[in-house]
PDB file of N, CA and C in Angstrom:
ATOM      1  N   MET A   1       0.823  -1.290   0.065  1.00  0.00           N
ATOM      2  CA  MET A   1       0.023  -0.006   0.027  1.00  0.00           C
ATOM      3  C   MET A   1       0.681   1.325   0.114  1.00  0.00           C
ATOM      4  N   ARG A   2       0.820   2.220  -1.009  1.00  0.00           N
ATOM      5  CA  ARG A   2       1.439   3.191  -0.993  1.00  0.00           C
ATOM      6  C   ARG A   2       0.850   4.353  -0.476  1.00  0.00           C
ATOM      7  N   LEU A   3       1.718   5.046   0.472  1.00  0.00           N
ATOM      8  CA  LEU A   3       1.062   6.298   1.089  1.00  0.00           C
ATOM      9  C   LEU A   3       1.032   7.423   0.552  1.00  0.00           C
ATOM     10  N   ALA A   4       0.464   8.499   0.437  1.00  0.00           N
ATOM     11  CA  ALA A   4       0.164   9.597  -0.165  1.00  0.00           C
ATOM     12  C   ALA A   4       0.740  10.637   0.809  1.00  0.00           C
ATOM     13  N   TRP A   5       2.029  10.627   0.777  1.00  0.00           N
ATOM     14  CA  TRP A   5       2.833  11.659   1.749  1.00  0.00           C
ATOM     15  C   TRP A   5       2.530  12.874   1.686  1.00  0.00           C
ATOM     16  N   ASP A   6       2.275  13.538   0.317  1.00  0.00           N
ATOM     17  CA  ASP A   6       1.862  14.988   0.192  1.00  0.00           C
ATOM     18  C   ASP A   6       0.476  15.348   0.804  1.00  0.00           C
ATOM     19  N   ARG A   7      -0.457  14.400   0.802  1.00  0.00           N
ATOM     20  CA  ARG A   7      -1.778  14.591   1.309  1.00  0.00           C
ATOM     21  C   ARG A   7      -1.519  14.649   2.937  1.00  0.00           C
ATOM     22  N   ILE A   8      -0.951  13.676   3.544  1.00  0.00           N
ATOM     23  CA  ILE A   8      -0.651  13.787   4.852  1.00  0.00           C
ATOM     24  C   ILE A   8       0.196  14.988   5.524  1.00  0.00           C
ATOM     25  N   VAL A   9       1.094  15.438   4.802  1.00  0.00           N
ATOM     26  CA  VAL A   9       2.015  16.594   4.922  1.00  0.00           C
ATOM     27  C   VAL A   9       0.977  17.787   4.838  1.00  0.00           C
ATOM     28  N   VAL A  10      -0.014  17.706   4.056  1.00  0.00           N
ATOM     29  CA  VAL A  10      -1.094  19.003   3.747  1.00  0.00           C
ATOM     30  C   VAL A  10      -1.924  19.282   4.947  1.00  0.00           C
ATOM     31  N   VAL A  11      -2.478  17.775   5.431  1.00  0.00           N
ATOM     32  CA  VAL A  11      -3.232  17.790   6.627  1.00  0.00           C
ATOM     33  C   VAL A  11      -2.707  18.039   7.921  1.00  0.00           C
ATOM     34  N   LEU A  12      -1.338  17.834   7.839  1.00  0.00           N
ATOM     35  CA  LEU A  12      -0.429  18.109   9.375  1.00  0.00           C
ATOM     36  C   LEU A  12      -0.181  19.572   9.317  1.00  0.00           C
ATOM     37  N   VAL A  13      -0.053  20.123   8.050  1.00  0.00           N
ATOM     38  CA  VAL A  13       0.353  21.566   8.116  1.00  0.00           C
ATOM     39  C   VAL A  13      -0.907  22.374   8.565  1.00  0.00           C
ATOM     40  N   SER A  14      -2.108  21.895   7.677  1.00  0.00           N
ATOM     41  CA  SER A  14      -3.374  22.645   7.860  1.00  0.00           C
ATOM     42  C   SER A  14      -3.574  22.632   9.417  1.00  0.00           C
ATOM     43  N   ALA A  15      -3.567  21.415  10.074  1.00  0.00           N
ATOM     44  CA  ALA A  15      -4.026  21.365  11.421  1.00  0.00           C
ATOM     45  C   ALA A  15      -2.920  22.258  12.197  1.00  0.00           C
ATOM     46  N   GLY A  16      -1.665  22.068  12.011  1.00  0.00           N
ATOM     47  CA  GLY A  16      -0.878  23.037  12.794  1.00  0.00           C
ATOM     48  C   GLY A  16      -1.115  24.467  12.442  1.00  0.00           C
ATOM     49  N   ALA A  17      -1.486  24.987  11.416  1.00  0.00           N
ATOM     50  CA  ALA A  17      -2.004  26.272  11.078  1.00  0.00           C
ATOM     51  C   ALA A  17      -3.169  26.728  11.917  1.00  0.00           C
ATOM     52  N   TRP A  18      -4.118  25.778  11.932  1.00  0.00           N
ATOM     53  CA  TRP A  18      -5.407  25.934  12.602  1.00  0.00           C
ATOM     54  C   TRP A  18      -5.328  26.084  14.160  1.00  0.00           C
ATOM     55  N   ALA A  19      -4.101  25.269  14.742  1.00  0.00           N
ATOM     56  CA  ALA A  19      -3.830  25.444  15.921  1.00  0.00           C
ATOM     57  C   ALA A  19      -3.186  26.717  16.668  1.00  0.00           C
ATOM     58  N   VAL A  20      -2.435  27.003  15.619  1.00  0.00           N
ATOM     59  CA  VAL A  20      -1.815  28.574  15.963  1.00  0.00           C
ATOM     60  C   VAL A  20      -2.699  29.639  16.052  1.00  0.00           C
ATOM     61  N   VAL A  21      -3.604  29.342  14.963  1.00  0.00           N
ATOM     62  CA  VAL A  21      -4.941  30.511  14.794  1.00  0.00           C
ATOM     63  C   VAL A  21      -5.675  30.462  16.166  1.00  0.00           C
ATOM     64  N   LEU A  22      -6.287  29.326  16.445  1.00  0.00           N
ATOM     65  CA  LEU A  22      -7.090  28.998  17.622  1.00  0.00           C
ATOM     66  C   LEU A  22      -6.220  29.538  19.050  1.00  0.00           C
ATOM     67  N   LEU A  23      -4.868  29.038  19.207  1.00  0.00           N
ATOM     68  CA  LEU A  23      -4.239  29.309  20.389  1.00  0.00           C
ATOM     69  C   LEU A  23      -3.709  30.731  20.452  1.00  0.00           C
ATOM     70  N   ALA A  24      -3.152  31.421  19.535  1.00  0.00           N
ATOM     71  CA  ALA A  24      -2.532  32.455  19.571  1.00  0.00           C
ATOM     72  C   ALA A  24      -3.148  33.679  18.886  1.00  0.00           C
ATOM     73  N   GLY A  25      -4.615  33.284  18.497  1.00  0.00           N
ATOM     74  CA  GLY A  25      -5.298  34.242  17.912  1.00  0.00           C
ATOM     75  C   GLY A  25      -5.757  35.689  18.845  1.00  0.00           C
ATOM     76  N   PRO A  26      -6.139  35.034  19.892  1.00  0.00           N
ATOM     77  CA  PRO A  26      -6.573  36.100  20.859  1.00  0.00           C
ATOM     78  C   PRO A  26      -5.657  36.977  21.018  1.00  0.00           C
ATOM     79  N   HIS A  27      -4.444  36.238  21.614  1.00  0.00           N
ATOM     80  CA  HIS A  27      -3.149  37.103  22.047  1.00  0.00           C
ATOM     81  C   HIS A  27      -2.677  38.132  20.681  1.00  0.00           C
ATOM     82  N   LEU A  28      -2.709  37.576  19.728  1.00  0.00           N
ATOM     83  CA  LEU A  28      -2.287  38.503  18.552  1.00  0.00           C
ATOM     84  C   LEU A  28      -3.144  39.623  18.336  1.00  0.00           C
ATOM     85  N   MET A  29      -4.591  39.125  18.583  1.00  0.00           N
ATOM     86  CA  MET A  29      -5.649  40.282  18.312  1.00  0.00           C
ATOM     87  C   MET A  29      -5.333  41.182  19.352  1.00  0.00           C
ATOM     88  N   HIS A  30      -5.055  41.152  20.792  1.00  0.00           N
ATOM     89  CA  HIS A  30      -4.849  42.077  21.588  1.00  0.00           C
ATOM     90  C   HIS A  30      -3.741  42.851  21.629  1.00  0.00           C
ATOM     91  N   GLY A  31      -2.639  42.016  21.213  1.00  0.00           N
ATOM     92  CA  GLY A  31      -1.429  42.733  20.672  1.00  0.00           C
ATOM     93  C   GLY A  31      -1.711  43.767  19.638  1.00  0.00           C
ATOM     94  N   LEU A  32      -2.145  43.440  18.477  1.00  0.00           N
ATOM     95  CA  LEU A  32      -2.455  44.503  17.472  1.00  0.00           C
ATOM     96  C   LEU A  32      -3.509  45.457  17.835  1.00  0.00           C
ATOM     97  N   ARG A  33      -4.289  45.384  18.848  1.00  0.00           N
ATOM     98  CA  ARG A  33      -5.161  46.394  19.359  1.00  0.00           C
ATOM     99  C   ARG A  33      -4.673  47.438  19.926  1.00  0.00           C
ATOM    100  N   THR A  34      -3.492  46.783  21.024  1.00  0.00           N
ATOM    101  CA  THR A  34      -2.805  47.732  21.830  1.00  0.00           C
ATOM    102  C   THR A  34      -1.403  48.350  21.225  1.00  0.00           C
ATOM    103  N   ALA A  35      -1.150  47.985  20.038  1.00  0.00           N
ATOM    104  CA  ALA A  35       0.222  48.354  19.681  1.00  0.00           C
ATOM    105  C   ALA A  35       0.229  49.823  19.372  1.00  0.00           C
ATOM    106  N   PRO A  36      -0.803  50.324  18.476  1.00  0.00           N
ATOM    107  CA  PRO A  36      -0.851  51.670  18.296  1.00  0.00           C
ATOM    108  C   PRO A  36      -0.911  52.607  19.722  1.00  0.00           C
ATOM    109  N   ARG A  37      -1.554  52.231  20.628  1.00  0.00           N
ATOM    110  CA  ARG A  37      -1.521  52.749  21.685  1.00  0.00           C
ATOM    111  C   ARG A  37      -0.138  52.891  22.290  1.00  0.00           C
ATOM    112  N   LEU A  38       0.566  51.522  22.375  1.00  0.00           N
ATOM    113  CA  LEU A  38       1.852  51.706  23.166  1.00  0.00           C
ATOM    114  C   LEU A  38       2.862  52.500  22.121  1.00  0.00           C
ATOM    115  N   LEU A  39       2.709  52.148  20.878  1.00  0.00           N
ATOM    116  CA  LEU A  39       3.878  53.233  20.252  1.00  0.00           C
ATOM    117  C   LEU A  39       3.513  54.639  20.261  1.00  0.00           C
ATOM    118  N   ALA A  40       2.434  55.207  20.338  1.00  0.00           N
ATOM    119  CA  ALA A  40       1.941  56.309  20.698  1.00  0.00           C
ATOM    120  C   ALA A  40       2.337  56.992  22.053  1.00  0.00           C
ATOM    121  N   HIS A  41       2.247  56.092  22.954  1.00  0.00           N
ATOM    122  CA  HIS A  41       2.594  56.565  24.325  1.00  0.00           C
ATOM    123  C   HIS A  41       4.265  56.403  24.386  1.00  0.00           C
ATOM    124  N   ALA A  42       4.861  55.802  23.829  1.00  0.00           N
ATOM    125  CA  ALA A  42       6.259  55.746  23.822  1.00  0.00           C
ATOM    126  C   ALA A  42       6.855  56.731  22.868  1.00  0.00           C
ATOM    127  N   GLY A  43       6.268  57.249  21.818  1.00  0.00           N
ATOM    128  CA  GLY A  43       6.517  58.292  20.965  1.00  0.00           C
ATOM    129  C   GLY A  43       6.239  59.652  21.480  1.00  0.00           C
ATOM    130  N   GLY A  44       5.308  59.803  22.662  1.00  0.00           N
ATOM    131  CA  GLY A  44       5.148  60.945  23.247  1.00  0.00           C
ATOM    132  C   GLY A  44       5.954  61.091  24.544  1.00  0.00           C
ATOM    133  N   ARG A  45       6.772  60.305  24.916  1.00  0.00           N
ATOM    134  CA  ARG A  45       7.804  60.510  25.973  1.00  0.00           C
ATOM    135  C   ARG A  45       8.941  60.961  25.094  1.00  0.00           C
ATOM    136  N   ARG A  46       9.582  62.048  26.185  1.00  0.00           N
ATOM    137  CA  ARG A  46      10.942  62.460  25.690  1.00  0.00           C
ATOM    138  C   ARG A  46      12.092  61.969  26.462  1.00  0.00           C
ATOM    139  N   TRP A  47      13.072  61.357  25.461  1.00  0.00           N
ATOM    140  CA  TRP A  47      14.293  60.686  26.171  1.00  0.00           C
ATOM    141  C   TRP A  47      15.194  61.523  26.591  1.00  0.00           C
ATOM    142  N   GLN A  48      15.527  61.274  28.159  1.00  0.00           N
ATOM    143  CA  GLN A  48      16.200  62.305  28.707  1.00  0.00           C
ATOM    144  C   GLN A  48      17.708  61.706  29.222  1.00  0.00           C
ATOM    145  N   GLY A  49      18.694  61.586  28.411  1.00  0.00           N
ATOM    146  CA  GLY A  49      20.013  60.909  28.731  1.00  0.00           C
ATOM    147  C   GLY A  49      20.809  61.784  29.535  1.00  0.00           C
TER     148      GLY A  49
END
């Protein structure tokens, strides 16, 4: 019996991508939502060396 390795790889990569989206998605969305605020806050400070 010959295995279709290309299909197995596609299924594994797809499952891994979905796992990343489901596990890291909320954290990434939170980071993207707060990034402009953090950058604006950091840009508003004056560096005093």
